[in-house]
Amino acid sequence: DARFSFLKEQFDSAMGYQITIQTTKTKEISNEMANHKSALKRIRQTESRRLRNRYYAKTARNAVRRLRAMTDKAQAQETYKKVVAMLDRLASKKSISKNKASNLKSKLALHINKLG
């Protein structure tokens, strides 16, 4: 809404009000308005977990994509075992839901069975 556009920069962060962002060579540091040390630590933990989950979920998506592109059945079956292990690991860590992992494994198994 145009009436509240002046507030937008304060509410960009999901973890709290973001005041300033300082960048260094290694990482981006944001100053959050948290009332407790534990809240600051929780913000740091959540951000690092989010980035880790994002990396592993993207890696799994790429693995699924490569498996779907395969045409050799023997090679696809070997890769399928690794992809299933990866999906199960993501589901156990709650990076993706159990149902999504199950649906992906089922679809991939159907794809491999169709290969001749």
N, C-alpha and C. Protein backbone atom coordinates (compact mmCIF):
# COMPACT_ATOMS: atom_id res chain seq x y z
N ASP A 1 0.85 -1.17 0.00
CA ASP A 1 0.00 0.00 0.00
C ASP A 1 0.89 1.23 0.00
N ALA A 2 0.54 2.22 -0.77
CA ALA A 2 1.36 3.41 -0.92
C ALA A 2 1.42 4.22 0.37
N ARG A 3 0.37 4.15 1.18
CA ARG A 3 0.34 4.95 2.41
C ARG A 3 1.39 4.50 3.41
N PHE A 4 1.78 3.21 3.35
CA PHE A 4 2.73 2.68 4.32
C PHE A 4 4.08 2.36 3.70
N SER A 5 4.34 2.88 2.52
CA SER A 5 5.60 2.57 1.86
C SER A 5 6.80 3.09 2.64
N PHE A 6 6.62 4.14 3.42
CA PHE A 6 7.74 4.67 4.19
C PHE A 6 8.15 3.73 5.32
N LEU A 7 7.28 2.76 5.69
CA LEU A 7 7.60 1.80 6.74
C LEU A 7 8.26 0.54 6.21
N LYS A 8 8.29 0.39 4.89
CA LYS A 8 8.73 -0.87 4.29
C LYS A 8 10.12 -1.28 4.74
N GLU A 9 11.06 -0.35 4.80
CA GLU A 9 12.43 -0.72 5.14
C GLU A 9 12.54 -1.24 6.58
N GLN A 10 11.61 -0.86 7.46
CA GLN A 10 11.66 -1.35 8.82
C GLN A 10 11.19 -2.79 8.93
N PHE A 11 10.31 -3.23 8.04
CA PHE A 11 9.69 -4.53 8.18
C PHE A 11 10.16 -5.53 7.13
N ASP A 12 11.32 -5.31 6.55
CA ASP A 12 11.83 -6.23 5.54
C ASP A 12 12.24 -7.56 6.14
N SER A 13 12.70 -7.58 7.36
CA SER A 13 13.18 -8.81 7.97
C SER A 13 12.03 -9.54 8.64
N ALA A 14 12.00 -10.85 8.45
CA ALA A 14 10.97 -11.65 9.11
C ALA A 14 11.28 -11.86 10.58
N MET A 15 12.52 -11.63 10.98
CA MET A 15 12.94 -11.91 12.35
C MET A 15 12.80 -10.69 13.27
N GLY A 16 12.51 -9.52 12.74
CA GLY A 16 12.40 -8.33 13.57
C GLY A 16 12.63 -7.10 12.74
N TYR A 17 12.72 -5.99 13.38
CA TYR A 17 12.95 -4.76 12.65
C TYR A 17 14.40 -4.70 12.22
N GLN A 18 14.61 -4.44 10.98
CA GLN A 18 15.98 -4.39 10.48
C GLN A 18 16.37 -2.92 10.36
N ILE A 19 17.38 -2.54 11.11
CA ILE A 19 17.76 -1.13 11.14
C ILE A 19 18.79 -0.84 10.05
N THR A 20 19.95 -1.45 10.13
CA THR A 20 20.99 -1.21 9.13
C THR A 20 21.62 -2.54 8.76
N ILE A 21 22.20 -2.55 7.59
CA ILE A 21 22.93 -3.74 7.15
C ILE A 21 24.34 -3.29 6.79
N GLN A 22 25.32 -3.90 7.45
CA GLN A 22 26.71 -3.62 7.14
C GLN A 22 27.28 -4.83 6.44
N THR A 23 28.01 -4.62 5.38
CA THR A 23 28.59 -5.76 4.68
C THR A 23 30.08 -5.78 4.91
N THR A 24 30.59 -6.97 5.14
CA THR A 24 32.02 -7.18 5.21
C THR A 24 32.41 -8.08 4.06
N LYS A 25 33.68 -8.42 3.94
CA LYS A 25 34.11 -9.27 2.84
C LYS A 25 33.56 -10.68 2.97
N THR A 26 33.37 -11.15 4.20
CA THR A 26 32.97 -12.54 4.39
C THR A 26 31.47 -12.73 4.51
N LYS A 27 30.79 -11.84 5.21
CA LYS A 27 29.36 -12.06 5.40
C LYS A 27 28.64 -10.74 5.62
N GLU A 28 27.32 -10.83 5.58
CA GLU A 28 26.49 -9.66 5.79
C GLU A 28 26.02 -9.65 7.24
N ILE A 29 26.18 -8.52 7.91
CA ILE A 29 25.81 -8.41 9.31
C ILE A 29 24.61 -7.47 9.39
N SER A 30 23.55 -7.93 10.01
CA SER A 30 22.40 -7.05 10.17
C SER A 30 22.17 -6.80 11.65
N ASN A 31 21.84 -5.58 11.97
CA ASN A 31 21.57 -5.21 13.35
C ASN A 31 20.08 -5.35 13.59
N GLU A 32 19.68 -6.32 14.40
CA GLU A 32 18.29 -6.57 14.69
C GLU A 32 17.94 -5.95 16.04
N MET A 33 16.71 -5.49 16.16
CA MET A 33 16.25 -4.96 17.43
C MET A 33 15.64 -6.10 18.24
N ALA A 34 16.47 -6.83 18.92
CA ALA A 34 15.98 -7.90 19.78
C ALA A 34 16.16 -7.45 21.23
N ASN A 35 15.28 -7.94 22.08
CA ASN A 35 15.32 -7.51 23.48
C ASN A 35 16.18 -8.40 24.36
N HIS A 36 16.54 -9.59 23.89
CA HIS A 36 17.30 -10.52 24.71
C HIS A 36 18.46 -11.10 23.92
N LYS A 37 19.49 -11.51 24.66
CA LYS A 37 20.62 -12.16 24.01
C LYS A 37 20.18 -13.46 23.35
N SER A 38 19.25 -14.16 23.99
CA SER A 38 18.77 -15.42 23.43
C SER A 38 18.02 -15.19 22.12
N ALA A 39 17.34 -14.06 22.00
CA ALA A 39 16.63 -13.74 20.76
C ALA A 39 17.62 -13.47 19.63
N LEU A 40 18.71 -12.79 19.97
CA LEU A 40 19.75 -12.55 18.97
C LEU A 40 20.37 -13.87 18.50
N LYS A 41 20.62 -14.76 19.46
CA LYS A 41 21.19 -16.06 19.11
C LYS A 41 20.21 -16.85 18.26
N ARG A 42 18.93 -16.80 18.61
CA ARG A 42 17.91 -17.52 17.83
C ARG A 42 17.84 -16.98 16.40
N ILE A 43 17.99 -15.68 16.23
CA ILE A 43 18.00 -15.08 14.89
C ILE A 43 19.18 -15.63 14.08
N ARG A 44 20.36 -15.69 14.72
CA ARG A 44 21.53 -16.22 14.03
C ARG A 44 21.34 -17.69 13.68
N GLN A 45 20.81 -18.48 14.61
CA GLN A 45 20.59 -19.90 14.36
C GLN A 45 19.60 -20.12 13.23
N THR A 46 18.52 -19.38 13.25
CA THR A 46 17.48 -19.54 12.24
C THR A 46 18.03 -19.21 10.86
N GLU A 47 18.81 -18.15 10.79
CA GLU A 47 19.37 -17.75 9.49
C GLU A 47 20.34 -18.80 8.95
N SER A 48 21.21 -19.33 9.82
CA SER A 48 22.17 -20.33 9.35
C SER A 48 21.45 -21.62 8.95
N ARG A 49 20.41 -22.01 9.71
CA ARG A 49 19.64 -23.20 9.35
C ARG A 49 18.90 -23.01 8.04
N ARG A 50 18.36 -21.80 7.84
CA ARG A 50 17.64 -21.51 6.60
C ARG A 50 18.55 -21.65 5.40
N LEU A 51 19.76 -21.11 5.51
CA LEU A 51 20.71 -21.19 4.40
C LEU A 51 21.15 -22.63 4.15
N ARG A 52 21.38 -23.39 5.24
CA ARG A 52 21.78 -24.79 5.10
C ARG A 52 20.66 -25.60 4.45
N ASN A 53 19.44 -25.42 4.93
CA ASN A 53 18.30 -26.14 4.36
C ASN A 53 18.12 -25.79 2.89
N ARG A 54 18.30 -24.53 2.56
CA ARG A 54 18.14 -24.08 1.18
C ARG A 54 19.18 -24.75 0.28
N TYR A 55 20.41 -24.85 0.76
CA TYR A 55 21.47 -25.47 -0.02
C TYR A 55 21.17 -26.95 -0.28
N TYR A 56 20.82 -27.68 0.78
CA TYR A 56 20.58 -29.11 0.62
C TYR A 56 19.33 -29.38 -0.21
N ALA A 57 18.29 -28.56 -0.05
CA ALA A 57 17.07 -28.75 -0.84
C ALA A 57 17.36 -28.48 -2.32
N LYS A 58 18.16 -27.48 -2.61
CA LYS A 58 18.52 -27.17 -4.00
C LYS A 58 19.36 -28.30 -4.59
N THR A 59 20.28 -28.84 -3.81
CA THR A 59 21.10 -29.96 -4.26
C THR A 59 20.24 -31.16 -4.58
N ALA A 60 19.25 -31.43 -3.74
CA ALA A 60 18.34 -32.55 -3.98
C ALA A 60 17.51 -32.33 -5.24
N ARG A 61 17.03 -31.10 -5.43
CA ARG A 61 16.25 -30.80 -6.64
C ARG A 61 17.08 -31.03 -7.89
N ASN A 62 18.34 -30.62 -7.85
CA ASN A 62 19.22 -30.84 -9.00
C ASN A 62 19.45 -32.32 -9.24
N ALA A 63 19.60 -33.09 -8.16
CA ALA A 63 19.80 -34.54 -8.30
C ALA A 63 18.57 -35.19 -8.92
N VAL A 64 17.39 -34.77 -8.48
CA VAL A 64 16.14 -35.30 -9.05
C VAL A 64 16.05 -34.93 -10.52
N ARG A 65 16.41 -33.73 -10.85
CA ARG A 65 16.37 -33.26 -12.24
C ARG A 65 17.31 -34.09 -13.12
N ARG A 66 18.52 -34.37 -12.61
CA ARG A 66 19.48 -35.18 -13.38
C ARG A 66 18.97 -36.60 -13.55
N LEU A 67 18.33 -37.14 -12.51
CA LEU A 67 17.81 -38.50 -12.59
C LEU A 67 16.68 -38.60 -13.61
N ARG A 68 15.83 -37.59 -13.65
CA ARG A 68 14.74 -37.59 -14.63
C ARG A 68 15.25 -37.48 -16.05
N ALA A 69 16.43 -36.89 -16.22
CA ALA A 69 16.98 -36.72 -17.56
C ALA A 69 17.70 -37.97 -18.06
N MET A 70 17.97 -38.93 -17.18
CA MET A 70 18.71 -40.13 -17.56
C MET A 70 17.87 -41.03 -18.45
N THR A 71 18.56 -41.72 -19.37
CA THR A 71 17.88 -42.66 -20.26
C THR A 71 18.37 -44.08 -20.07
N ASP A 72 19.52 -44.26 -19.42
CA ASP A 72 20.05 -45.60 -19.16
C ASP A 72 19.47 -46.14 -17.86
N LYS A 73 18.79 -47.28 -17.93
CA LYS A 73 18.08 -47.81 -16.76
C LYS A 73 19.02 -48.23 -15.65
N ALA A 74 20.12 -48.91 -15.97
CA ALA A 74 21.06 -49.37 -14.94
C ALA A 74 21.67 -48.20 -14.18
N GLN A 75 22.08 -47.19 -14.93
CA GLN A 75 22.68 -46.02 -14.30
C GLN A 75 21.63 -45.27 -13.45
N ALA A 76 20.41 -45.21 -13.95
CA ALA A 76 19.33 -44.53 -13.23
C ALA A 76 19.02 -45.25 -11.92
N GLN A 77 19.06 -46.59 -11.92
CA GLN A 77 18.79 -47.34 -10.70
C GLN A 77 19.86 -47.09 -9.63
N GLU A 78 21.11 -46.99 -10.06
CA GLU A 78 22.18 -46.70 -9.11
C GLU A 78 22.01 -45.29 -8.53
N THR A 79 21.70 -44.34 -9.39
CA THR A 79 21.52 -42.96 -8.94
C THR A 79 20.29 -42.84 -8.05
N TYR A 80 19.26 -43.64 -8.35
CA TYR A 80 18.01 -43.60 -7.58
C TYR A 80 18.26 -43.89 -6.10
N LYS A 81 19.15 -44.84 -5.81
CA LYS A 81 19.45 -45.18 -4.42
C LYS A 81 20.02 -43.97 -3.68
N LYS A 82 20.92 -43.25 -4.34
CA LYS A 82 21.53 -42.08 -3.70
C LYS A 82 20.52 -40.95 -3.51
N VAL A 83 19.66 -40.77 -4.52
CA VAL A 83 18.67 -39.70 -4.44
C VAL A 83 17.64 -40.01 -3.34
N VAL A 84 17.26 -41.27 -3.22
CA VAL A 84 16.30 -41.66 -2.17
C VAL A 84 16.91 -41.40 -0.79
N ALA A 85 18.16 -41.73 -0.62
CA ALA A 85 18.83 -41.47 0.66
C ALA A 85 18.85 -39.97 0.96
N MET A 86 19.12 -39.18 -0.07
CA MET A 86 19.16 -37.73 0.10
C MET A 86 17.78 -37.19 0.49
N LEU A 87 16.74 -37.67 -0.19
CA LEU A 87 15.39 -37.21 0.11
C LEU A 87 14.95 -37.62 1.51
N ASP A 88 15.30 -38.84 1.90
CA ASP A 88 14.95 -39.30 3.25
C ASP A 88 15.66 -38.47 4.31
N ARG A 89 16.90 -38.12 4.05
CA ARG A 89 17.65 -37.29 5.00
C ARG A 89 17.01 -35.91 5.12
N LEU A 90 16.61 -35.33 3.99
CA LEU A 90 15.95 -34.02 4.03
C LEU A 90 14.62 -34.09 4.77
N ALA A 91 13.88 -35.17 4.57
CA ALA A 91 12.59 -35.32 5.24
C ALA A 91 12.79 -35.49 6.75
N SER A 92 13.82 -36.23 7.15
CA SER A 92 14.05 -36.43 8.57
C SER A 92 14.49 -35.14 9.25
N LYS A 93 15.19 -34.28 8.52
CA LYS A 93 15.62 -32.99 9.07
C LYS A 93 14.55 -31.91 8.90
N LYS A 94 13.43 -32.29 8.27
CA LYS A 94 12.30 -31.39 8.04
C LYS A 94 12.63 -30.22 7.11
N SER A 95 13.60 -30.43 6.21
CA SER A 95 13.84 -29.44 5.17
C SER A 95 12.74 -29.52 4.12
N ILE A 96 12.27 -30.74 3.86
CA ILE A 96 11.09 -30.95 3.04
C ILE A 96 10.16 -31.88 3.82
N SER A 97 8.89 -31.90 3.45
CA SER A 97 7.96 -32.73 4.20
C SER A 97 8.10 -34.20 3.82
N LYS A 98 7.62 -35.08 4.69
CA LYS A 98 7.69 -36.52 4.42
C LYS A 98 6.88 -36.87 3.18
N ASN A 99 5.72 -36.21 3.03
CA ASN A 99 4.87 -36.50 1.87
C ASN A 99 5.55 -36.10 0.57
N LYS A 100 6.25 -34.97 0.57
CA LYS A 100 6.94 -34.54 -0.65
C LYS A 100 8.03 -35.53 -1.00
N ALA A 101 8.77 -35.99 0.00
CA ALA A 101 9.82 -36.98 -0.24
C ALA A 101 9.21 -38.27 -0.80
N SER A 102 8.11 -38.72 -0.22
CA SER A 102 7.46 -39.94 -0.68
C SER A 102 6.94 -39.79 -2.11
N ASN A 103 6.33 -38.65 -2.39
CA ASN A 103 5.82 -38.41 -3.74
C ASN A 103 6.94 -38.39 -4.77
N LEU A 104 8.04 -37.74 -4.43
CA LEU A 104 9.18 -37.70 -5.35
C LEU A 104 9.75 -39.09 -5.59
N LYS A 105 9.91 -39.87 -4.52
CA LYS A 105 10.46 -41.22 -4.67
C LYS A 105 9.56 -42.08 -5.53
N SER A 106 8.24 -41.94 -5.34
CA SER A 106 7.29 -42.73 -6.12
C SER A 106 7.35 -42.36 -7.60
N LYS A 107 7.37 -41.07 -7.88
CA LYS A 107 7.42 -40.61 -9.28
C LYS A 107 8.72 -41.05 -9.95
N LEU A 108 9.82 -40.97 -9.20
CA LEU A 108 11.11 -41.36 -9.77
C LEU A 108 11.15 -42.87 -10.04
N ALA A 109 10.56 -43.66 -9.14
CA ALA A 109 10.51 -45.10 -9.34
C ALA A 109 9.69 -45.43 -10.58
N LEU A 110 8.57 -44.74 -10.77
CA LEU A 110 7.77 -44.95 -11.98
C LEU A 110 8.56 -44.60 -13.23
N HIS A 111 9.30 -43.49 -13.15
CA HIS A 111 10.12 -43.07 -14.30
C HIS A 111 11.17 -44.13 -14.64
N ILE A 112 11.82 -44.68 -13.64
CA ILE A 112 12.87 -45.67 -13.87
C ILE A 112 12.26 -46.96 -14.44
N ASN A 113 11.10 -47.35 -13.94
CA ASN A 113 10.45 -48.56 -14.44
C ASN A 113 10.02 -48.43 -15.90
N LYS A 114 9.74 -47.21 -16.33
CA LYS A 114 9.35 -46.99 -17.72
C LYS A 114 10.54 -47.05 -18.67
N LEU A 115 11.73 -46.83 -18.12
CA LEU A 115 12.93 -46.85 -18.97
C LEU A 115 13.14 -48.27 -19.51
N GLY A 116 13.56 -48.37 -20.76
CA GLY A 116 13.76 -49.70 -21.34
C GLY A 116 15.15 -49.90 -21.60
